[in-house]
Amino acid sequence: MNQGNAERQRSAELMQKQLKNVGIRMKIRVIEWSSLINEFIEKRRFEAVMMGWFLSRDPDCYDIWHSSRTRQGEFNFVGYKNEKVDKLLEEGRRTFDRSKRAAIYHEIHKLIYEDQPYLFLYTPDALPIVNSRFKGVESSPIGIGYNFIKWYVPKSEQRYK
């Protein structure tokens, strides 16, 4: 796991303890970020790794899950391959109808869940803070960033030009 992430460190220690209880020895290695990427992830020198994904609001996850994205330096570093997922990822990129796209990505997520190329542990809590000068910010079940293109600061409250 990468250095400087206390939440991941605590998660790894919890996993280590639980695995020890069933007779499995787990060694935790905390590594500086660029070394983790360059020496372990890109060279695929790991048995298990704890990392996190932060995606945009668009559900396109082609670069993470498509089987063509497994070369060094690309995001599918676990070598995941599922022909049906590949086809759905390609279809999702070509579909503009939101409801059809949602159905495609739900099916992708279902297949990935069934295949388990990763063990998804948790989504961390977040407490986003935006200065009260910003108007148009609305909360929703998916967070506050979904409508960020509508945010603005009234001219009378702008400080930077």
N, C-alpha and C. Protein backbone atom coordinates (compact mmCIF):
# COMPACT_ATOMS: atom_id res chain seq x y z
N MET A 1 0.85 -1.18 0.00
CA MET A 1 0.00 0.00 0.00
C MET A 1 0.88 1.22 0.00
N ASN A 2 0.31 2.35 -0.42
CA ASN A 2 1.10 3.58 -0.49
C ASN A 2 1.24 4.25 0.86
N GLN A 3 2.35 4.93 0.99
CA GLN A 3 2.68 5.67 2.21
C GLN A 3 1.74 6.85 2.39
N GLY A 4 1.48 7.21 3.63
CA GLY A 4 0.73 8.42 3.92
C GLY A 4 -0.78 8.28 3.89
N ASN A 5 -1.28 7.06 3.95
CA ASN A 5 -2.73 6.87 3.94
C ASN A 5 -3.11 6.08 5.19
N ALA A 6 -3.42 6.80 6.26
CA ALA A 6 -3.70 6.18 7.56
C ALA A 6 -4.91 5.25 7.50
N GLU A 7 -5.91 5.61 6.71
CA GLU A 7 -7.12 4.77 6.61
C GLU A 7 -6.78 3.41 6.01
N ARG A 8 -5.97 3.40 4.95
CA ARG A 8 -5.56 2.13 4.35
C ARG A 8 -4.66 1.34 5.30
N GLN A 9 -3.81 2.04 6.02
CA GLN A 9 -2.93 1.37 6.99
C GLN A 9 -3.78 0.64 8.04
N ARG A 10 -4.78 1.33 8.58
CA ARG A 10 -5.65 0.70 9.58
C ARG A 10 -6.43 -0.47 8.98
N SER A 11 -6.87 -0.32 7.73
CA SER A 11 -7.60 -1.41 7.06
C SER A 11 -6.70 -2.62 6.89
N ALA A 12 -5.46 -2.39 6.48
CA ALA A 12 -4.52 -3.49 6.29
C ALA A 12 -4.24 -4.20 7.61
N GLU A 13 -4.09 -3.44 8.69
CA GLU A 13 -3.85 -4.04 10.01
C GLU A 13 -5.04 -4.88 10.46
N LEU A 14 -6.23 -4.40 10.18
CA LEU A 14 -7.44 -5.16 10.51
C LEU A 14 -7.49 -6.47 9.71
N MET A 15 -7.19 -6.39 8.42
CA MET A 15 -7.16 -7.60 7.59
C MET A 15 -6.10 -8.57 8.09
N GLN A 16 -4.94 -8.03 8.43
CA GLN A 16 -3.84 -8.86 8.93
C GLN A 16 -4.28 -9.64 10.18
N LYS A 17 -4.94 -8.94 11.08
CA LYS A 17 -5.41 -9.58 12.32
C LYS A 17 -6.44 -10.66 12.02
N GLN A 18 -7.40 -10.36 11.15
CA GLN A 18 -8.44 -11.33 10.82
C GLN A 18 -7.86 -12.55 10.10
N LEU A 19 -6.91 -12.34 9.22
CA LEU A 19 -6.28 -13.46 8.52
C LEU A 19 -5.46 -14.32 9.48
N LYS A 20 -4.79 -13.67 10.42
CA LYS A 20 -4.02 -14.42 11.43
C LYS A 20 -4.94 -15.33 12.22
N ASN A 21 -6.14 -14.88 12.51
CA ASN A 21 -7.11 -15.68 13.26
C ASN A 21 -7.49 -16.98 12.55
N VAL A 22 -7.32 -17.02 11.23
CA VAL A 22 -7.63 -18.24 10.48
C VAL A 22 -6.37 -18.92 9.95
N GLY A 23 -5.20 -18.50 10.50
CA GLY A 23 -3.95 -19.18 10.18
C GLY A 23 -3.21 -18.68 8.95
N ILE A 24 -3.53 -17.49 8.47
CA ILE A 24 -2.84 -16.94 7.30
C ILE A 24 -1.96 -15.78 7.74
N ARG A 25 -0.68 -15.85 7.38
CA ARG A 25 0.26 -14.78 7.72
C ARG A 25 0.28 -13.75 6.60
N MET A 26 0.08 -12.51 6.95
CA MET A 26 0.07 -11.42 5.97
C MET A 26 1.13 -10.40 6.39
N LYS A 27 1.98 -10.05 5.45
CA LYS A 27 3.02 -9.05 5.70
C LYS A 27 2.58 -7.74 5.05
N ILE A 28 2.59 -6.66 5.81
CA ILE A 28 2.20 -5.34 5.29
C ILE A 28 3.46 -4.60 4.88
N ARG A 29 3.46 -4.08 3.67
CA ARG A 29 4.56 -3.22 3.20
C ARG A 29 3.97 -1.88 2.80
N VAL A 30 4.48 -0.83 3.42
CA VAL A 30 4.05 0.53 3.10
C VAL A 30 5.17 1.14 2.26
N ILE A 31 4.81 1.59 1.05
CA ILE A 31 5.81 2.02 0.08
C ILE A 31 5.45 3.40 -0.46
N GLU A 32 6.45 4.23 -0.67
CA GLU A 32 6.26 5.56 -1.25
C GLU A 32 5.55 5.40 -2.60
N TRP A 33 4.63 6.33 -2.92
CA TRP A 33 3.73 6.20 -4.06
C TRP A 33 4.43 5.90 -5.38
N SER A 34 5.42 6.70 -5.77
CA SER A 34 6.04 6.48 -7.08
C SER A 34 6.77 5.14 -7.13
N SER A 35 7.37 4.71 -6.02
CA SER A 35 8.01 3.39 -5.97
C SER A 35 6.96 2.29 -6.08
N LEU A 36 5.84 2.46 -5.40
CA LEU A 36 4.76 1.48 -5.48
C LEU A 36 4.33 1.30 -6.94
N ILE A 37 4.11 2.40 -7.62
CA ILE A 37 3.66 2.33 -9.02
C ILE A 37 4.76 1.77 -9.92
N ASN A 38 5.94 2.37 -9.87
CA ASN A 38 7.02 2.00 -10.80
C ASN A 38 7.63 0.63 -10.56
N GLU A 39 7.82 0.28 -9.31
CA GLU A 39 8.52 -0.97 -8.99
C GLU A 39 7.60 -2.16 -8.76
N PHE A 40 6.35 -1.91 -8.41
CA PHE A 40 5.47 -3.03 -8.08
C PHE A 40 4.27 -3.13 -9.02
N ILE A 41 3.49 -2.07 -9.15
CA ILE A 41 2.28 -2.14 -9.97
C ILE A 41 2.63 -2.34 -11.44
N GLU A 42 3.45 -1.46 -12.01
CA GLU A 42 3.76 -1.55 -13.44
C GLU A 42 4.51 -2.84 -13.79
N LYS A 43 5.29 -3.36 -12.86
CA LYS A 43 6.03 -4.60 -13.11
C LYS A 43 5.27 -5.83 -12.62
N ARG A 44 4.08 -5.60 -12.08
CA ARG A 44 3.22 -6.68 -11.56
C ARG A 44 3.96 -7.56 -10.55
N ARG A 45 4.67 -6.90 -9.64
CA ARG A 45 5.42 -7.59 -8.59
C ARG A 45 4.65 -7.49 -7.27
N PHE A 46 3.51 -8.12 -7.20
CA PHE A 46 2.73 -8.12 -5.96
C PHE A 46 1.81 -9.33 -5.94
N GLU A 47 1.54 -9.81 -4.74
CA GLU A 47 0.56 -10.87 -4.57
C GLU A 47 -0.81 -10.26 -4.29
N ALA A 48 -0.79 -9.17 -3.54
CA ALA A 48 -2.01 -8.41 -3.24
C ALA A 48 -1.58 -6.97 -3.02
N VAL A 49 -2.46 -6.05 -3.32
CA VAL A 49 -2.16 -4.64 -3.15
C VAL A 49 -3.43 -3.92 -2.73
N MET A 50 -3.27 -2.92 -1.87
CA MET A 50 -4.43 -2.13 -1.47
C MET A 50 -4.27 -0.74 -2.07
N MET A 51 -5.24 -0.40 -2.89
CA MET A 51 -5.23 0.91 -3.55
C MET A 51 -6.67 1.41 -3.61
N GLY A 52 -6.86 2.56 -4.19
CA GLY A 52 -8.20 3.11 -4.32
C GLY A 52 -8.41 3.71 -5.69
N TRP A 53 -9.65 3.69 -6.13
CA TRP A 53 -10.04 4.32 -7.38
C TRP A 53 -10.95 5.49 -7.08
N PHE A 54 -10.71 6.59 -7.75
CA PHE A 54 -11.59 7.74 -7.69
C PHE A 54 -11.97 8.07 -9.12
N LEU A 55 -13.21 7.86 -9.46
CA LEU A 55 -13.66 8.04 -10.84
C LEU A 55 -14.47 9.31 -10.98
N SER A 56 -14.60 9.73 -12.23
CA SER A 56 -15.41 10.91 -12.51
C SER A 56 -16.89 10.55 -12.39
N ARG A 57 -17.75 11.50 -12.58
CA ARG A 57 -19.20 11.24 -12.53
C ARG A 57 -19.66 10.40 -13.71
N ASP A 58 -18.90 10.43 -14.82
CA ASP A 58 -19.24 9.58 -15.96
C ASP A 58 -18.88 8.14 -15.61
N PRO A 59 -19.78 7.20 -15.86
CA PRO A 59 -19.52 5.82 -15.42
C PRO A 59 -18.55 5.03 -16.30
N ASP A 60 -17.99 5.64 -17.34
CA ASP A 60 -17.10 4.92 -18.25
C ASP A 60 -15.85 4.44 -17.50
N CYS A 61 -15.70 3.13 -17.40
CA CYS A 61 -14.55 2.53 -16.71
C CYS A 61 -13.74 1.66 -17.67
N TYR A 62 -13.76 2.03 -18.95
CA TYR A 62 -13.07 1.30 -20.01
C TYR A 62 -11.59 1.10 -19.69
N ASP A 63 -10.91 2.15 -19.29
CA ASP A 63 -9.47 2.06 -19.06
C ASP A 63 -9.10 1.14 -17.90
N ILE A 64 -10.01 0.92 -16.97
CA ILE A 64 -9.74 0.06 -15.83
C ILE A 64 -10.05 -1.40 -16.14
N TRP A 65 -11.12 -1.67 -16.89
CA TRP A 65 -11.59 -3.04 -17.04
C TRP A 65 -11.45 -3.65 -18.43
N HIS A 66 -11.23 -2.87 -19.47
CA HIS A 66 -11.15 -3.45 -20.81
C HIS A 66 -9.85 -4.25 -20.94
N SER A 67 -9.95 -5.41 -21.57
CA SER A 67 -8.79 -6.30 -21.67
C SER A 67 -7.66 -5.74 -22.54
N SER A 68 -7.95 -4.71 -23.33
CA SER A 68 -6.89 -4.10 -24.15
C SER A 68 -6.02 -3.14 -23.34
N ARG A 69 -6.37 -2.90 -22.10
CA ARG A 69 -5.67 -1.92 -21.26
C ARG A 69 -4.77 -2.58 -20.22
N THR A 70 -4.06 -3.63 -20.61
CA THR A 70 -3.23 -4.38 -19.66
C THR A 70 -1.73 -4.16 -19.84
N ARG A 71 -1.34 -3.30 -20.77
CA ARG A 71 0.08 -3.05 -20.98
C ARG A 71 0.66 -2.26 -19.81
N GLN A 72 1.98 -2.29 -19.68
CA GLN A 72 2.64 -1.56 -18.61
C GLN A 72 2.26 -0.08 -18.67
N GLY A 73 1.93 0.47 -17.51
CA GLY A 73 1.54 1.87 -17.43
C GLY A 73 0.05 2.11 -17.62
N GLU A 74 -0.70 1.05 -17.94
CA GLU A 74 -2.14 1.20 -18.10
C GLU A 74 -2.85 0.74 -16.84
N PHE A 75 -4.14 1.03 -16.73
CA PHE A 75 -4.84 0.84 -15.47
C PHE A 75 -5.34 -0.58 -15.19
N ASN A 76 -5.45 -1.42 -16.20
CA ASN A 76 -5.90 -2.80 -15.96
C ASN A 76 -4.68 -3.66 -15.61
N PHE A 77 -4.01 -3.28 -14.53
CA PHE A 77 -2.76 -3.95 -14.15
C PHE A 77 -2.98 -5.31 -13.50
N VAL A 78 -4.23 -5.68 -13.24
CA VAL A 78 -4.49 -7.03 -12.72
C VAL A 78 -4.76 -8.01 -13.87
N GLY A 79 -4.81 -7.50 -15.11
CA GLY A 79 -4.99 -8.37 -16.27
C GLY A 79 -6.40 -8.93 -16.40
N TYR A 80 -7.38 -8.19 -15.95
CA TYR A 80 -8.77 -8.65 -16.03
C TYR A 80 -9.20 -8.78 -17.48
N LYS A 81 -9.88 -9.91 -17.79
CA LYS A 81 -10.38 -10.12 -19.15
C LYS A 81 -11.71 -10.85 -19.08
N ASN A 82 -12.70 -10.23 -19.70
CA ASN A 82 -14.02 -10.83 -19.84
C ASN A 82 -14.58 -10.28 -21.15
N GLU A 83 -14.78 -11.14 -22.11
CA GLU A 83 -15.23 -10.68 -23.44
C GLU A 83 -16.56 -9.95 -23.39
N LYS A 84 -17.46 -10.41 -22.54
CA LYS A 84 -18.76 -9.75 -22.44
C LYS A 84 -18.60 -8.34 -21.86
N VAL A 85 -17.74 -8.20 -20.84
CA VAL A 85 -17.47 -6.88 -20.27
C VAL A 85 -16.85 -5.98 -21.32
N ASP A 86 -15.89 -6.50 -22.10
CA ASP A 86 -15.27 -5.71 -23.16
C ASP A 86 -16.32 -5.17 -24.12
N LYS A 87 -17.23 -6.04 -24.57
CA LYS A 87 -18.27 -5.61 -25.52
C LYS A 87 -19.20 -4.57 -24.90
N LEU A 88 -19.57 -4.78 -23.63
CA LEU A 88 -20.44 -3.81 -22.96
C LEU A 88 -19.73 -2.47 -22.75
N LEU A 89 -18.45 -2.49 -22.42
CA LEU A 89 -17.69 -1.24 -22.27
C LEU A 89 -17.67 -0.46 -23.58
N GLU A 90 -17.46 -1.17 -24.67
CA GLU A 90 -17.47 -0.52 -25.99
C GLU A 90 -18.85 0.03 -26.32
N GLU A 91 -19.88 -0.74 -26.01
CA GLU A 91 -21.26 -0.30 -26.26
C GLU A 91 -21.60 0.92 -25.39
N GLY A 92 -21.17 0.90 -24.15
CA GLY A 92 -21.43 2.03 -23.25
C GLY A 92 -20.85 3.33 -23.76
N ARG A 93 -19.69 3.24 -24.40
CA ARG A 93 -19.06 4.45 -24.95
C ARG A 93 -19.79 4.99 -26.17
N ARG A 94 -20.55 4.13 -26.84
CA ARG A 94 -21.25 4.56 -28.06
C ARG A 94 -22.71 4.92 -27.80
N THR A 95 -23.18 4.75 -26.59
CA THR A 95 -24.60 4.96 -26.27
C THR A 95 -24.78 6.30 -25.58
N PHE A 96 -25.70 7.11 -26.09
CA PHE A 96 -25.95 8.42 -25.52
C PHE A 96 -27.21 8.47 -24.67
N ASP A 97 -28.11 7.53 -24.86
CA ASP A 97 -29.34 7.48 -24.07
C ASP A 97 -28.97 7.09 -22.64
N ARG A 98 -29.29 7.97 -21.69
CA ARG A 98 -28.87 7.76 -20.30
C ARG A 98 -29.41 6.48 -19.68
N SER A 99 -30.67 6.17 -19.92
CA SER A 99 -31.24 4.96 -19.32
C SER A 99 -30.62 3.70 -19.91
N LYS A 100 -30.35 3.70 -21.22
CA LYS A 100 -29.69 2.55 -21.84
C LYS A 100 -28.25 2.42 -21.33
N ARG A 101 -27.59 3.56 -21.20
CA ARG A 101 -26.22 3.56 -20.68
C ARG A 101 -26.17 3.05 -19.25
N ALA A 102 -27.13 3.47 -18.44
CA ALA A 102 -27.19 3.02 -17.04
C ALA A 102 -27.34 1.50 -16.99
N ALA A 103 -28.21 0.96 -17.83
CA ALA A 103 -28.42 -0.49 -17.86
C ALA A 103 -27.13 -1.22 -18.27
N ILE A 104 -26.40 -0.66 -19.22
CA ILE A 104 -25.14 -1.26 -19.67
C ILE A 104 -24.13 -1.29 -18.51
N TYR A 105 -23.97 -0.16 -17.83
CA TYR A 105 -22.97 -0.10 -16.75
C TYR A 105 -23.40 -0.92 -15.53
N HIS A 106 -24.70 -1.04 -15.28
CA HIS A 106 -25.14 -1.94 -14.21
C HIS A 106 -24.77 -3.39 -14.54
N GLU A 107 -24.93 -3.77 -15.79
CA GLU A 107 -24.56 -5.13 -16.20
C GLU A 107 -23.05 -5.33 -16.09
N ILE A 108 -22.27 -4.33 -16.48
CA ILE A 108 -20.81 -4.41 -16.34
C ILE A 108 -20.44 -4.63 -14.87
N HIS A 109 -21.02 -3.84 -13.99
CA HIS A 109 -20.71 -3.96 -12.56
C HIS A 109 -21.13 -5.31 -12.01
N LYS A 110 -22.25 -5.84 -12.48
CA LYS A 110 -22.71 -7.16 -12.04
C LYS A 110 -21.69 -8.23 -12.45
N LEU A 111 -21.21 -8.17 -13.69
CA LEU A 111 -20.25 -9.16 -14.17
C LEU A 111 -18.92 -9.05 -13.43
N ILE A 112 -18.47 -7.82 -13.19
CA ILE A 112 -17.21 -7.62 -12.46
C ILE A 112 -17.36 -8.15 -11.03
N TYR A 113 -18.49 -7.89 -10.42
CA TYR A 113 -18.74 -8.41 -9.07
C TYR A 113 -18.68 -9.94 -9.06
N GLU A 114 -19.29 -10.57 -10.07
CA GLU A 114 -19.29 -12.03 -10.13
C GLU A 114 -17.88 -12.58 -10.36
N ASP A 115 -17.07 -11.89 -11.17
CA ASP A 115 -15.71 -12.34 -11.46
C ASP A 115 -14.73 -12.07 -10.32
N GLN A 116 -14.96 -11.02 -9.55
CA GLN A 116 -14.12 -10.61 -8.41
C GLN A 116 -12.64 -10.45 -8.75
N PRO A 117 -12.30 -9.63 -9.77
CA PRO A 117 -10.88 -9.36 -10.01
C PRO A 117 -10.26 -8.52 -8.89
N TYR A 118 -11.09 -7.83 -8.16
CA TYR A 118 -10.70 -7.05 -6.98
C TYR A 118 -11.63 -7.46 -5.85
N LEU A 119 -11.17 -7.21 -4.64
CA LEU A 119 -12.05 -7.30 -3.49
C LEU A 119 -12.33 -5.86 -3.10
N PHE A 120 -13.54 -5.40 -3.34
CA PHE A 120 -13.91 -4.03 -3.04
C PHE A 120 -14.23 -3.95 -1.55
N LEU A 121 -13.47 -3.15 -0.81
CA LEU A 121 -13.58 -3.12 0.64
C LEU A 121 -14.57 -2.09 1.16
N TYR A 122 -14.45 -0.86 0.72
CA TYR A 122 -15.28 0.19 1.28
C TYR A 122 -15.19 1.45 0.42
N THR A 123 -16.14 2.33 0.67
CA THR A 123 -16.11 3.67 0.12
C THR A 123 -15.91 4.59 1.31
N PRO A 124 -14.82 5.35 1.31
CA PRO A 124 -14.57 6.18 2.49
C PRO A 124 -15.60 7.30 2.63
N ASP A 125 -15.88 7.66 3.88
CA ASP A 125 -16.74 8.81 4.13
C ASP A 125 -16.04 10.06 3.63
N ALA A 126 -16.82 11.02 3.21
CA ALA A 126 -16.25 12.28 2.74
C ALA A 126 -17.06 13.44 3.30
N LEU A 127 -16.40 14.51 3.58
CA LEU A 127 -17.07 15.71 4.07
C LEU A 127 -16.60 16.87 3.18
N PRO A 128 -17.23 17.00 2.02
CA PRO A 128 -16.81 18.08 1.12
C PRO A 128 -17.22 19.45 1.68
N ILE A 129 -16.36 20.39 1.50
CA ILE A 129 -16.61 21.75 2.00
C ILE A 129 -16.44 22.72 0.84
N VAL A 130 -17.42 23.59 0.67
CA VAL A 130 -17.39 24.59 -0.37
C VAL A 130 -17.68 25.93 0.29
N ASN A 131 -16.90 26.94 -0.06
CA ASN A 131 -17.11 28.27 0.50
C ASN A 131 -18.53 28.75 0.22
N SER A 132 -19.11 29.45 1.17
CA SER A 132 -20.51 29.90 1.04
C SER A 132 -20.69 30.92 -0.09
N ARG A 133 -19.61 31.46 -0.64
CA ARG A 133 -19.73 32.37 -1.78
C ARG A 133 -20.26 31.63 -3.02
N PHE A 134 -20.04 30.31 -3.09
CA PHE A 134 -20.49 29.54 -4.25
C PHE A 134 -21.99 29.32 -4.17
N LYS A 135 -22.66 29.60 -5.26
CA LYS A 135 -24.10 29.41 -5.37
C LYS A 135 -24.37 28.28 -6.37
N GLY A 136 -25.54 27.67 -6.27
CA GLY A 136 -25.91 26.60 -7.19
C GLY A 136 -25.45 25.22 -6.73
N VAL A 137 -24.82 25.13 -5.57
CA VAL A 137 -24.36 23.85 -5.03
C VAL A 137 -25.57 23.14 -4.43
N GLU A 138 -25.79 21.91 -4.85
CA GLU A 138 -26.92 21.13 -4.33
C GLU A 138 -26.42 19.77 -3.90
N SER A 139 -26.94 19.28 -2.80
CA SER A 139 -26.56 17.93 -2.37
C SER A 139 -27.51 16.92 -3.00
N SER A 140 -27.02 15.71 -3.14
CA SER A 140 -27.82 14.61 -3.69
C SER A 140 -27.25 13.31 -3.14
N PRO A 141 -27.91 12.20 -3.38
CA PRO A 141 -27.38 10.92 -2.89
C PRO A 141 -25.99 10.58 -3.46
N ILE A 142 -25.63 11.16 -4.61
CA ILE A 142 -24.31 10.89 -5.19
C ILE A 142 -23.28 11.94 -4.83
N GLY A 143 -23.63 12.86 -3.95
CA GLY A 143 -22.68 13.88 -3.52
C GLY A 143 -23.07 15.25 -4.02
N ILE A 144 -22.13 16.21 -3.85
CA ILE A 144 -22.44 17.57 -4.27
C ILE A 144 -21.86 17.92 -5.63
N GLY A 145 -20.96 17.11 -6.15
CA GLY A 145 -20.26 17.47 -7.38
C GLY A 145 -21.01 17.18 -8.66
N TYR A 146 -22.17 16.54 -8.58
CA TYR A 146 -22.86 16.11 -9.79
C TYR A 146 -23.27 17.29 -10.68
N ASN A 147 -23.49 18.47 -10.10
CA ASN A 147 -23.94 19.62 -10.90
C ASN A 147 -22.92 20.76 -10.86
N PHE A 148 -21.65 20.44 -10.69
CA PHE A 148 -20.64 21.48 -10.50
C PHE A 148 -20.57 22.48 -11.66
N ILE A 149 -21.02 22.10 -12.84
CA ILE A 149 -20.98 23.05 -13.96
C ILE A 149 -21.98 24.18 -13.78
N LYS A 150 -22.89 24.06 -12.82
CA LYS A 150 -23.86 25.12 -12.53
C LYS A 150 -23.43 26.00 -11.36
N TRP A 151 -22.31 25.69 -10.73
CA TRP A 151 -21.84 26.50 -9.61
C TRP A 151 -21.31 27.83 -10.12
N TYR A 152 -21.46 28.85 -9.31
CA TYR A 152 -20.92 30.17 -9.67
C TYR A 152 -20.72 31.00 -8.41
N VAL A 153 -19.92 32.03 -8.54
CA VAL A 153 -19.73 33.01 -7.47
C VAL A 153 -20.24 34.33 -8.02
N PRO A 154 -21.22 34.94 -7.36
CA PRO A 154 -21.74 36.22 -7.85
C PRO A 154 -20.61 37.24 -7.99
N LYS A 155 -20.72 38.09 -9.00
CA LYS A 155 -19.68 39.09 -9.25
C LYS A 155 -19.33 39.88 -7.99
N SER A 156 -20.33 40.23 -7.20
CA SER A 156 -20.09 41.04 -6.01
C SER A 156 -19.24 40.31 -4.96
N GLU A 157 -19.16 38.96 -5.05
CA GLU A 157 -18.40 38.21 -4.08
C GLU A 157 -17.10 37.62 -4.64
N GLN A 158 -16.81 37.90 -5.92
CA GLN A 158 -15.59 37.40 -6.52
C GLN A 158 -14.38 38.14 -5.98
N ARG A 159 -13.36 37.40 -5.63
CA ARG A 159 -12.14 37.99 -5.06
C ARG A 159 -10.96 37.94 -6.00
N TYR A 160 -10.99 37.01 -6.94
CA TYR A 160 -9.85 36.80 -7.83
C TYR A 160 -10.29 37.05 -9.26
N LYS A 161 -9.53 37.80 -9.97
CA LYS A 161 -9.89 38.14 -11.36
C LYS A 161 -8.88 37.56 -12.32
